[in-house]
PDB file of N, CA and C in Angstrom:
ATOM      1  N   UNK A   1       0.850  -1.164   0.000  1.00  0.00           N
ATOM      2  CA  UNK A   1       0.000   0.000   0.000  1.00  0.00           C
ATOM      3  C   UNK A   1       0.900   1.232   0.000  1.00  0.00           C
ATOM      4  N   UNK A   2       0.498   2.220  -0.756  1.00  0.00           N
ATOM      5  CA  UNK A   2       1.278   3.451  -0.884  1.00  0.00           C
ATOM      6  C   UNK A   2       0.333   4.630  -0.714  1.00  0.00           C
ATOM      7  N   UNK A   3       0.726   5.603   0.094  1.00  0.00           N
ATOM      8  CA  UNK A   3      -0.061   6.827   0.228  1.00  0.00           C
ATOM      9  C   UNK A   3       0.876   8.022   0.173  1.00  0.00           C
ATOM     10  N   UNK A   4       0.387   9.090  -0.428  1.00  0.00           N
ATOM     11  CA  UNK A   4       1.186  10.300  -0.599  1.00  0.00           C
ATOM     12  C   UNK A   4       0.269  11.491  -0.341  1.00  0.00           C
ATOM     13  N   UNK A   5       0.470  12.171   0.784  1.00  0.00           N
ATOM     14  CA  UNK A   5      -0.376  13.287   1.193  1.00  0.00           C
ATOM     15  C   UNK A   5       0.452  14.565   1.168  1.00  0.00           C
ATOM     16  N   UNK A   6      -0.023  15.552   0.447  1.00  0.00           N
ATOM     17  CA  UNK A   6       0.632  16.863   0.383  1.00  0.00           C
ATOM     18  C   UNK A   6      -0.376  17.928   0.789  1.00  0.00           C
ATOM     19  N   UNK A   7       0.033  18.786   1.702  1.00  0.00           N
ATOM     20  CA  UNK A   7      -0.826  19.882   2.148  1.00  0.00           C
ATOM     21  C   UNK A   7      -0.060  21.177   1.926  1.00  0.00           C
ATOM     22  N   UNK A   8      -0.574  22.028   1.062  1.00  0.00           N
ATOM     23  CA  UNK A   8       0.092  23.279   0.726  1.00  0.00           C
ATOM     24  C   UNK A   8      -0.785  24.465   1.090  1.00  0.00           C
ATOM     25  N   UNK A   9      -0.183  25.448   1.747  1.00  0.00           N
ATOM     26  CA  UNK A   9      -0.848  26.717   2.046  1.00  0.00           C
ATOM     27  C   UNK A   9      -0.012  27.800   1.376  1.00  0.00           C
ATOM     28  N   UNK A  10      -0.648  28.619   0.578  1.00  0.00           N
ATOM     29  CA  UNK A  10       0.079  29.675  -0.113  1.00  0.00           C
ATOM     30  C   UNK A  10      -0.558  31.015   0.210  1.00  0.00           C
ATOM     31  N   UNK A  11       0.275  31.958   0.647  1.00  0.00           N
ATOM     32  CA  UNK A  11      -0.167  33.312   0.964  1.00  0.00           C
ATOM     33  C   UNK A  11       0.588  34.258   0.037  1.00  0.00           C
ATOM     34  N   UNK A  12      -0.144  34.990  -0.747  1.00  0.00           N
ATOM     35  CA  UNK A  12       0.495  35.910  -1.692  1.00  0.00           C
ATOM     36  C   UNK A  12      -0.184  37.266  -1.612  1.00  0.00           C
ATOM     37  N   UNK A  13       0.615  38.311  -1.564  1.00  0.00           N
ATOM     38  CA  UNK A  13       0.103  39.673  -1.667  1.00  0.00           C
ATOM     39  C   UNK A  13       1.066  40.457  -2.559  1.00  0.00           C
ATOM     40  N   UNK A  14       0.916  41.753  -2.619  1.00  0.00           N
ATOM     41  CA  UNK A  14       1.742  42.558  -3.522  1.00  0.00           C
ATOM     42  C   UNK A  14       3.217  42.552  -3.152  1.00  0.00           C
ATOM     43  N   UNK A  15       3.543  42.365  -1.870  1.00  0.00           N
ATOM     44  CA  UNK A  15       4.931  42.494  -1.445  1.00  0.00           C
ATOM     45  C   UNK A  15       5.627  41.163  -1.164  1.00  0.00           C
ATOM     46  N   UNK A  16       4.890  40.084  -0.971  1.00  0.00           N
ATOM     47  CA  UNK A  16       5.563  38.825  -0.631  1.00  0.00           C
ATOM     48  C   UNK A  16       4.762  37.626  -1.108  1.00  0.00           C
ATOM     49  N   UNK A  17       5.448  36.510  -1.167  1.00  0.00           N
ATOM     50  CA  UNK A  17       4.845  35.240  -1.530  1.00  0.00           C
ATOM     51  C   UNK A  17       5.398  34.181  -0.584  1.00  0.00           C
ATOM     52  N   UNK A  18       4.524  33.520   0.169  1.00  0.00           N
ATOM     53  CA  UNK A  18       4.947  32.553   1.167  1.00  0.00           C
ATOM     54  C   UNK A  18       4.173  31.258   0.975  1.00  0.00           C
ATOM     55  N   UNK A  19       4.891  30.129   1.052  1.00  0.00           N
ATOM     56  CA  UNK A  19       4.262  28.809   0.965  1.00  0.00           C
ATOM     57  C   UNK A  19       4.645  28.009   2.201  1.00  0.00           C
ATOM     58  N   UNK A  20       3.678  27.278   2.752  1.00  0.00           N
ATOM     59  CA  UNK A  20       3.925  26.342   3.842  1.00  0.00           C
ATOM     60  C   UNK A  20       3.511  24.974   3.324  1.00  0.00           C
ATOM     61  N   UNK A  21       4.453  24.036   3.309  1.00  0.00           N
ATOM     62  CA  UNK A  21       4.233  22.733   2.695  1.00  0.00           C
ATOM     63  C   UNK A  21       4.456  21.645   3.742  1.00  0.00           C
ATOM     64  N   UNK A  22       3.493  20.725   3.866  1.00  0.00           N
ATOM     65  CA  UNK A  22       3.626  19.552   4.731  1.00  0.00           C
ATOM     66  C   UNK A  22       3.397  18.305   3.882  1.00  0.00           C
ATOM     67  N   UNK A  23       4.174  17.256   4.171  1.00  0.00           N
ATOM     68  CA  UNK A  23       4.059  16.024   3.386  1.00  0.00           C
ATOM     69  C   UNK A  23       4.123  14.806   4.292  1.00  0.00           C
ATOM     70  N   UNK A  24       3.331  13.809   3.946  1.00  0.00           N
ATOM     71  CA  UNK A  24       3.390  12.496   4.590  1.00  0.00           C
ATOM     72  C   UNK A  24       3.358  11.462   3.469  1.00  0.00           C
ATOM     73  N   UNK A  25       4.342  10.582   3.469  1.00  0.00           N
ATOM     74  CA  UNK A  25       4.387   9.523   2.458  1.00  0.00           C
ATOM     75  C   UNK A  25       4.611   8.203   3.191  1.00  0.00           C
ATOM     76  N   UNK A  26       3.751   7.228   2.938  1.00  0.00           N
ATOM     77  CA  UNK A  26       3.848   5.909   3.567  1.00  0.00           C
ATOM     78  C   UNK A  26       3.925   4.826   2.503  1.00  0.00           C
ATOM     79  N   UNK A  27       4.710   3.814   2.794  1.00  0.00           N
ATOM     80  CA  UNK A  27       4.775   2.626   1.958  1.00  0.00           C
ATOM     81  C   UNK A  27       4.689   1.431   2.891  1.00  0.00           C
ATOM     82  N   UNK A  28       3.687   0.581   2.704  1.00  0.00           N
ATOM     83  CA  UNK A  28       3.480  -0.588   3.571  1.00  0.00           C
ATOM     84  C   UNK A  28       3.485  -1.861   2.737  1.00  0.00           C
ATOM     85  N   UNK A  29       4.005  -2.906   3.342  1.00  0.00           N
ATOM     86  CA  UNK A  29       4.039  -4.213   2.705  1.00  0.00           C
ATOM     87  C   UNK A  29       3.636  -5.244   3.754  1.00  0.00           C
ATOM     88  N   UNK A  30       2.706  -6.132   3.393  1.00  0.00           N
ATOM     89  CA  UNK A  30       2.233  -7.153   4.326  1.00  0.00           C
ATOM     90  C   UNK A  30       2.123  -8.474   3.585  1.00  0.00           C
ATOM     91  N   UNK A  31       2.566  -9.538   4.239  1.00  0.00           N
ATOM     92  CA  UNK A  31       2.478 -10.874   3.652  1.00  0.00           C
ATOM     93  C   UNK A  31       2.063 -11.851   4.742  1.00  0.00           C
ATOM     94  N   UNK A  32       1.012 -12.625   4.481  1.00  0.00           N
ATOM     95  CA  UNK A  32       0.547 -13.679   5.385  1.00  0.00           C
ATOM     96  C   UNK A  32       0.710 -15.010   4.663  1.00  0.00           C
ATOM     97  N   UNK A  33       1.312 -15.986   5.353  1.00  0.00           N
ATOM     98  CA  UNK A  33       1.557 -17.299   4.765  1.00  0.00           C
ATOM     99  C   UNK A  33       1.025 -18.374   5.694  1.00  0.00           C
ATOM    100  N   UNK A  34       0.729 -19.537   5.118  1.00  0.00           N
ATOM    101  CA  UNK A  34       0.256 -20.669   5.898  1.00  0.00           C
ATOM    102  C   UNK A  34       0.970 -21.920   5.403  1.00  0.00           C
ATOM    103  N   UNK A  35       1.524 -22.682   6.342  1.00  0.00           N
ATOM    104  CA  UNK A  35       2.202 -23.929   6.019  1.00  0.00           C
ATOM    105  C   UNK A  35       1.439 -25.068   6.689  1.00  0.00           C
ATOM    106  N   UNK A  36       0.937 -26.002   5.875  1.00  0.00           N
ATOM    107  CA  UNK A  36       0.208 -27.162   6.386  1.00  0.00           C
ATOM    108  C   UNK A  36       1.218 -28.282   6.556  1.00  0.00           C
ATOM    109  N   UNK A  37       1.409 -28.697   7.825  1.00  0.00           N
ATOM    110  CA  UNK A  37       2.425 -29.710   8.121  1.00  0.00           C
ATOM    111  C   UNK A  37       1.869 -31.110   7.896  1.00  0.00           C
ATOM    112  N   UNK A  38       0.793 -31.469   8.595  1.00  0.00           N
ATOM    113  CA  UNK A  38       0.145 -32.771   8.397  1.00  0.00           C
ATOM    114  C   UNK A  38      -1.172 -32.766   9.149  1.00  0.00           C
ATOM    115  N   UNK A  39      -2.178 -33.406   8.594  1.00  0.00           N
ATOM    116  CA  UNK A  39      -3.479 -33.502   9.250  1.00  0.00           C
ATOM    117  C   UNK A  39      -4.058 -32.135   9.568  1.00  0.00           C
ATOM    118  N   UNK A  40      -4.341 -31.902  10.840  1.00  0.00           N
ATOM    119  CA  UNK A  40      -4.907 -30.627  11.279  1.00  0.00           C
ATOM    120  C   UNK A  40      -3.848 -29.629  11.742  1.00  0.00           C
ATOM    121  N   UNK A  41      -2.580 -29.988  11.601  1.00  0.00           N
ATOM    122  CA  UNK A  41      -1.498 -29.104  12.044  1.00  0.00           C
ATOM    123  C   UNK A  41      -1.143 -28.110  10.934  1.00  0.00           C
ATOM    124  N   UNK A  42      -1.194 -26.848  11.289  1.00  0.00           N
ATOM    125  CA  UNK A  42      -0.774 -25.824  10.328  1.00  0.00           C
ATOM    126  C   UNK A  42      -0.070 -24.696  11.067  1.00  0.00           C
ATOM    127  N   UNK A  43       0.767 -24.021  10.345  1.00  0.00           N
ATOM    128  CA  UNK A  43       1.558 -22.937  10.906  1.00  0.00           C
ATOM    129  C   UNK A  43       1.249 -21.669  10.109  1.00  0.00           C
ATOM    130  N   UNK A  44       0.741 -20.649  10.799  1.00  0.00           N
ATOM    131  CA  UNK A  44       0.464 -19.363  10.183  1.00  0.00           C
ATOM    132  C   UNK A  44       1.577 -18.395  10.572  1.00  0.00           C
ATOM    133  N   UNK A  45       2.097 -17.663   9.602  1.00  0.00           N
ATOM    134  CA  UNK A  45       3.149 -16.686   9.878  1.00  0.00           C
ATOM    135  C   UNK A  45       3.106 -15.604   8.803  1.00  0.00           C
ATOM    136  N   UNK A  46       3.822 -14.550   9.074  1.00  0.00           N
ATOM    137  CA  UNK A  46       3.854 -13.457   8.114  1.00  0.00           C
ATOM    138  C   UNK A  46       4.649 -12.289   8.654  1.00  0.00           C
ATOM    139  N   UNK A  47       4.594 -11.183   7.907  1.00  0.00           N
ATOM    140  CA  UNK A  47       5.304  -9.984   8.324  1.00  0.00           C
ATOM    141  C   UNK A  47       4.576  -8.751   7.792  1.00  0.00           C
ATOM    142  N   UNK A  48       4.834  -7.652   8.447  1.00  0.00           N
ATOM    143  CA  UNK A  48       4.333  -6.345   8.025  1.00  0.00           C
ATOM    144  C   UNK A  48       5.453  -5.337   8.224  1.00  0.00           C
ATOM    145  N   UNK A  49       5.652  -4.495   7.238  1.00  0.00           N
ATOM    146  CA  UNK A  49       6.636  -3.430   7.354  1.00  0.00           C
ATOM    147  C   UNK A  49       6.042  -2.146   6.784  1.00  0.00           C
ATOM    148  N   UNK A  50       6.380  -1.031   7.398  1.00  0.00           N
ATOM    149  CA  UNK A  50       5.902   0.276   6.947  1.00  0.00           C
ATOM    150  C   UNK A  50       7.055   1.271   6.997  1.00  0.00           C
ATOM    151  N   UNK A  51       7.204   2.023   5.938  1.00  0.00           N
ATOM    152  CA  UNK A  51       8.193   3.092   5.881  1.00  0.00           C
ATOM    153  C   UNK A  51       7.435   4.416   5.870  1.00  0.00           C
ATOM    154  N   UNK A  52       7.695   5.267   6.858  1.00  0.00           N
ATOM    155  CA  UNK A  52       7.063   6.580   6.954  1.00  0.00           C
ATOM    156  C   UNK A  52       8.084   7.644   6.569  1.00  0.00           C
ATOM    157  N   UNK A  53       7.678   8.561   5.727  1.00  0.00           N
ATOM    158  CA  UNK A  53       8.500   9.712   5.379  1.00  0.00           C
ATOM    159  C   UNK A  53       7.674  10.950   5.726  1.00  0.00           C
ATOM    160  N   UNK A  54       8.016  11.615   6.829  1.00  0.00           N
ATOM    161  CA  UNK A  54       7.262  12.765   7.320  1.00  0.00           C
ATOM    162  C   UNK A  54       8.067  14.041   7.121  1.00  0.00           C
ATOM    163  N   UNK A  55       7.415  15.043   6.606  1.00  0.00           N
ATOM    164  CA  UNK A  55       8.000  16.368   6.492  1.00  0.00           C
ATOM    165  C   UNK A  55       6.953  17.332   7.044  1.00  0.00           C
ATOM    166  N   UNK A  56       7.019  17.654   8.341  1.00  0.00           N
ATOM    167  CA  UNK A  56       5.931  18.380   8.991  1.00  0.00           C
ATOM    168  C   UNK A  56       5.769  19.827   8.567  1.00  0.00           C
ATOM    169  N   UNK A  57       6.765  20.422   7.952  1.00  0.00           N
ATOM    170  CA  UNK A  57       6.564  21.795   7.521  1.00  0.00           C
ATOM    171  C   UNK A  57       7.790  22.417   6.892  1.00  0.00           C
ATOM    172  N   UNK A  58       7.633  22.893   5.694  1.00  0.00           N
ATOM    173  CA  UNK A  58       8.661  23.653   5.002  1.00  0.00           C
ATOM    174  C   UNK A  58       8.074  25.027   4.744  1.00  0.00           C
ATOM    175  N   UNK A  59       8.797  26.067   5.093  1.00  0.00           N
ATOM    176  CA  UNK A  59       8.348  27.425   4.781  1.00  0.00           C
ATOM    177  C   UNK A  59       9.236  27.937   3.659  1.00  0.00           C
ATOM    178  N   UNK A  60       8.608  28.274   2.555  1.00  0.00           N
ATOM    179  CA  UNK A  60       9.296  28.817   1.390  1.00  0.00           C
ATOM    180  C   UNK A  60       8.807  30.246   1.208  1.00  0.00           C
ATOM    181  N   UNK A  61       9.655  31.210   1.509  1.00  0.00           N
ATOM    182  CA  UNK A  61       9.248  32.614   1.481  1.00  0.00           C
ATOM    183  C   UNK A  61      10.101  33.405   0.501  1.00  0.00           C
ATOM    184  N   UNK A  62       9.485  34.384  -0.129  1.00  0.00           N
ATOM    185  CA  UNK A  62      10.236  35.272  -1.026  1.00  0.00           C
ATOM    186  C   UNK A  62      11.138  36.175  -0.193  1.00  0.00           C
ATOM    187  N   UNK A  63      12.063  36.833  -0.853  1.00  0.00           N
ATOM    188  CA  UNK A  63      13.029  37.682  -0.151  1.00  0.00           C
ATOM    189  C   UNK A  63      12.367  38.834   0.587  1.00  0.00           C
ATOM    190  N   UNK A  64      11.210  39.299   0.122  1.00  0.00           N
ATOM    191  CA  UNK A  64      10.543  40.433   0.757  1.00  0.00           C
ATOM    192  C   UNK A  64       9.567  40.022   1.859  1.00  0.00           C
ATOM    193  N   UNK A  65       9.408  38.720   2.105  1.00  0.00           N
ATOM    194  CA  UNK A  65       8.469  38.257   3.129  1.00  0.00           C
ATOM    195  C   UNK A  65       9.008  38.540   4.528  1.00  0.00           C
ATOM    196  N   UNK A  66       8.129  38.693   5.503  1.00  0.00           N
ATOM    197  CA  UNK A  66       8.525  38.975   6.886  1.00  0.00           C
ATOM    198  C   UNK A  66       9.356  37.849   7.509  1.00  0.00           C
ATOM    199  N   UNK A  67       9.240  36.636   6.986  1.00  0.00           N
ATOM    200  CA  UNK A  67      10.018  35.514   7.533  1.00  0.00           C
ATOM    201  C   UNK A  67      11.510  35.729   7.342  1.00  0.00           C
ATOM    202  N   UNK A  68      11.882  36.512   6.337  1.00  0.00           N
ATOM    203  CA  UNK A  68      13.288  36.715   6.038  1.00  0.00           C
ATOM    204  C   UNK A  68      13.828  38.043   6.565  1.00  0.00           C
ATOM    205  N   UNK A  69      13.086  38.711   7.411  1.00  0.00           N
ATOM    206  CA  UNK A  69      13.555  39.995   7.930  1.00  0.00           C
ATOM    207  C   UNK A  69      14.706  39.775   8.907  1.00  0.00           C
ATOM    208  N   UNK A  70      15.615  40.743   8.995  1.00  0.00           N
ATOM    209  CA  UNK A  70      16.802  40.625   9.849  1.00  0.00           C
ATOM    210  C   UNK A  70      16.687  41.554  11.040  1.00  0.00           C
ATOM    211  N   UNK A  71      15.551  41.578  11.708  1.00  0.00           N
ATOM    212  CA  UNK A  71      15.340  42.460  12.876  1.00  0.00           C
ATOM    213  C   UNK A  71      15.871  41.785  14.105  1.00  0.00           C
TER     214      UNK A  71
END
């Protein structure tokens, strides 16, 4: 299973342009197996793995935005 979530907020006015970007990307893999040994005996096993890639916030601001002020 693969999911890719992007959340973008953009604020633009005459003097500045600012973007706030958040991303979540997941990749999951799951496998279930069954081994029948004999009669009513069986062995169930498997694995699950998930890779999370989180980027909670990037601020991309133009040079004239207040985020880049040197006060």
